[in-house]
Amino acid sequence: MKSWHELFEQNPKLVVTAAGVGGIPGKTRQEMLESQSEQYKHFRAVWDSIRKTVESWTAPKTQKGT
């Protein structure tokens, strides 16, 4: 389960907003996201909740040899 915003945000210098992917100009990612519309913030919150729920259904990854 991946969303394109997660893929781009693996780069700490990028943020995905309702307008698309962009750099973080002198702000933190969190500050950029807080300035988004309530609708977009809701989308991100719902996505995070769904991701956490789905991840809880799977066994934790273990290192080989442990």
N, C-alpha and C. Protein backbone atom coordinates (compact mmCIF):
# COMPACT_ATOMS: atom_id res chain seq x y z
N MET A 1 0.84 -1.17 0.00
CA MET A 1 0.00 0.00 0.00
C MET A 1 0.89 1.23 0.00
N LYS A 2 0.90 1.93 -1.08
CA LYS A 2 1.72 3.15 -1.20
C LYS A 2 0.88 4.26 -1.82
N SER A 3 1.16 5.43 -1.40
CA SER A 3 0.60 6.62 -2.01
C SER A 3 1.77 7.40 -2.59
N TRP A 4 1.54 8.11 -3.66
CA TRP A 4 2.64 8.84 -4.28
C TRP A 4 3.22 9.87 -3.33
N HIS A 5 2.42 10.40 -2.39
CA HIS A 5 2.99 11.39 -1.47
C HIS A 5 4.03 10.74 -0.56
N GLU A 6 3.83 9.50 -0.19
CA GLU A 6 4.82 8.80 0.65
C GLU A 6 6.13 8.58 -0.11
N LEU A 7 6.01 8.25 -1.37
CA LEU A 7 7.21 8.00 -2.17
C LEU A 7 8.05 9.27 -2.30
N PHE A 8 7.42 10.39 -2.64
CA PHE A 8 8.17 11.64 -2.78
C PHE A 8 8.72 12.11 -1.44
N GLU A 9 7.97 11.92 -0.37
CA GLU A 9 8.40 12.43 0.92
C GLU A 9 9.46 11.57 1.60
N GLN A 10 9.92 10.52 0.93
CA GLN A 10 11.10 9.82 1.41
C GLN A 10 12.31 10.74 1.29
N ASN A 11 12.23 11.70 0.41
CA ASN A 11 13.26 12.74 0.28
C ASN A 11 12.92 13.84 1.28
N PRO A 12 13.77 14.08 2.28
CA PRO A 12 13.44 15.06 3.32
C PRO A 12 13.36 16.50 2.82
N LYS A 13 13.75 16.75 1.59
CA LYS A 13 13.69 18.11 1.03
C LYS A 13 12.42 18.36 0.22
N LEU A 14 11.53 17.36 0.16
CA LEU A 14 10.31 17.51 -0.61
C LEU A 14 9.08 17.39 0.28
N VAL A 15 8.01 18.03 -0.17
CA VAL A 15 6.71 17.92 0.49
C VAL A 15 5.66 17.80 -0.60
N VAL A 16 4.62 17.04 -0.31
CA VAL A 16 3.50 16.92 -1.24
C VAL A 16 2.33 17.66 -0.63
N THR A 17 1.85 18.65 -1.36
CA THR A 17 0.69 19.42 -0.93
C THR A 17 -0.45 19.16 -1.90
N ALA A 18 -1.56 19.82 -1.67
CA ALA A 18 -2.70 19.68 -2.58
C ALA A 18 -2.34 20.15 -3.99
N ALA A 19 -1.33 21.02 -4.10
CA ALA A 19 -0.92 21.54 -5.41
C ALA A 19 0.09 20.64 -6.11
N GLY A 20 0.65 19.68 -5.41
CA GLY A 20 1.63 18.77 -6.01
C GLY A 20 2.89 18.68 -5.18
N VAL A 21 3.97 18.26 -5.82
CA VAL A 21 5.25 18.06 -5.15
C VAL A 21 6.08 19.33 -5.25
N GLY A 22 6.72 19.68 -4.14
CA GLY A 22 7.57 20.86 -4.17
C GLY A 22 8.63 20.81 -3.10
N GLY A 23 9.53 21.77 -3.17
CA GLY A 23 10.57 21.89 -2.17
C GLY A 23 10.02 22.52 -0.90
N ILE A 24 10.82 22.50 0.14
CA ILE A 24 10.43 23.08 1.41
C ILE A 24 11.25 24.37 1.59
N PRO A 25 10.66 25.51 1.21
CA PRO A 25 11.39 26.79 1.22
C PRO A 25 11.48 27.44 2.60
N GLY A 26 12.46 27.07 3.38
CA GLY A 26 12.66 27.70 4.68
C GLY A 26 11.64 27.34 5.74
N LYS A 27 10.88 26.30 5.50
CA LYS A 27 9.89 25.84 6.47
C LYS A 27 10.11 24.35 6.69
N THR A 28 9.45 23.82 7.69
CA THR A 28 9.47 22.37 7.89
C THR A 28 8.33 21.76 7.07
N ARG A 29 8.41 20.48 6.84
CA ARG A 29 7.33 19.79 6.13
C ARG A 29 6.03 19.97 6.91
N GLN A 30 6.10 19.85 8.21
CA GLN A 30 4.89 19.99 9.03
C GLN A 30 4.27 21.37 8.87
N GLU A 31 5.10 22.40 8.84
CA GLU A 31 4.57 23.77 8.64
C GLU A 31 3.89 23.90 7.28
N MET A 32 4.49 23.30 6.27
CA MET A 32 3.89 23.35 4.93
C MET A 32 2.54 22.63 4.93
N LEU A 33 2.47 21.47 5.58
CA LEU A 33 1.22 20.71 5.59
C LEU A 33 0.15 21.41 6.42
N GLU A 34 0.55 22.08 7.49
CA GLU A 34 -0.43 22.79 8.32
C GLU A 34 -1.09 23.94 7.57
N SER A 35 -0.44 24.45 6.53
CA SER A 35 -1.01 25.57 5.77
C SER A 35 -1.97 25.09 4.67
N GLN A 36 -2.17 23.80 4.56
CA GLN A 36 -3.05 23.25 3.52
C GLN A 36 -4.52 23.38 3.91
N SER A 37 -5.38 23.16 2.94
CA SER A 37 -6.83 23.23 3.18
C SER A 37 -7.26 22.15 4.17
N GLU A 38 -8.38 22.38 4.81
CA GLU A 38 -8.91 21.38 5.74
C GLU A 38 -9.19 20.07 5.01
N GLN A 39 -9.64 20.15 3.78
CA GLN A 39 -9.93 18.95 2.99
C GLN A 39 -8.66 18.13 2.76
N TYR A 40 -7.57 18.79 2.41
CA TYR A 40 -6.31 18.06 2.17
C TYR A 40 -5.75 17.50 3.47
N LYS A 41 -5.83 18.27 4.55
CA LYS A 41 -5.36 17.77 5.85
C LYS A 41 -6.18 16.55 6.27
N HIS A 42 -7.48 16.57 5.97
CA HIS A 42 -8.34 15.42 6.28
C HIS A 42 -7.90 14.20 5.47
N PHE A 43 -7.64 14.41 4.18
CA PHE A 43 -7.15 13.30 3.34
C PHE A 43 -5.90 12.67 3.94
N ARG A 44 -4.94 13.51 4.33
CA ARG A 44 -3.68 12.99 4.87
C ARG A 44 -3.92 12.25 6.19
N ALA A 45 -4.79 12.78 7.03
CA ALA A 45 -5.09 12.13 8.32
C ALA A 45 -5.76 10.77 8.09
N VAL A 46 -6.71 10.73 7.16
CA VAL A 46 -7.39 9.47 6.86
C VAL A 46 -6.40 8.47 6.28
N TRP A 47 -5.55 8.92 5.37
CA TRP A 47 -4.55 8.03 4.78
C TRP A 47 -3.64 7.45 5.87
N ASP A 48 -3.16 8.30 6.78
CA ASP A 48 -2.29 7.82 7.85
C ASP A 48 -3.00 6.79 8.73
N SER A 49 -4.26 7.04 9.01
CA SER A 49 -5.03 6.11 9.83
C SER A 49 -5.20 4.76 9.12
N ILE A 50 -5.52 4.81 7.84
CA ILE A 50 -5.67 3.56 7.07
C ILE A 50 -4.35 2.81 7.03
N ARG A 51 -3.25 3.52 6.78
CA ARG A 51 -1.93 2.87 6.72
C ARG A 51 -1.62 2.17 8.04
N LYS A 52 -1.81 2.86 9.15
CA LYS A 52 -1.51 2.26 10.46
C LYS A 52 -2.38 1.04 10.72
N THR A 53 -3.65 1.11 10.35
CA THR A 53 -4.54 -0.03 10.54
C THR A 53 -4.08 -1.23 9.71
N VAL A 54 -3.81 -1.01 8.45
CA VAL A 54 -3.39 -2.10 7.57
C VAL A 54 -2.06 -2.69 8.05
N GLU A 55 -1.12 -1.83 8.44
CA GLU A 55 0.17 -2.33 8.93
C GLU A 55 0.00 -3.16 10.20
N SER A 56 -1.02 -2.86 11.00
CA SER A 56 -1.23 -3.62 12.24
C SER A 56 -1.71 -5.04 11.95
N TRP A 57 -2.19 -5.30 10.75
CA TRP A 57 -2.66 -6.63 10.39
C TRP A 57 -1.53 -7.58 10.03
N THR A 58 -0.35 -7.07 9.80
CA THR A 58 0.76 -7.90 9.37
C THR A 58 1.75 -8.08 10.51
N ALA A 59 2.45 -9.20 10.45
CA ALA A 59 3.48 -9.45 11.47
C ALA A 59 4.63 -8.48 11.27
N PRO A 60 5.27 -8.07 12.37
CA PRO A 60 6.43 -7.17 12.23
C PRO A 60 7.55 -7.86 11.45
N LYS A 61 8.26 -7.05 10.68
CA LYS A 61 9.40 -7.59 9.93
C LYS A 61 10.51 -7.90 10.90
N THR A 62 11.15 -9.03 10.71
CA THR A 62 12.28 -9.41 11.56
C THR A 62 13.53 -9.50 10.70
N GLN A 63 14.65 -9.34 11.34
CA GLN A 63 15.93 -9.45 10.63
C GLN A 63 16.25 -10.93 10.45
N LYS A 64 16.87 -11.26 9.36
CA LYS A 64 17.29 -12.64 9.14
C LYS A 64 18.30 -13.03 10.19
N GLY A 65 18.17 -14.26 10.66
CA GLY A 65 19.12 -14.77 11.65
C GLY A 65 18.74 -14.47 13.08
N THR A 66 17.56 -13.84 13.27
CA THR A 66 17.14 -13.56 14.66
C THR A 66 15.95 -14.39 15.03
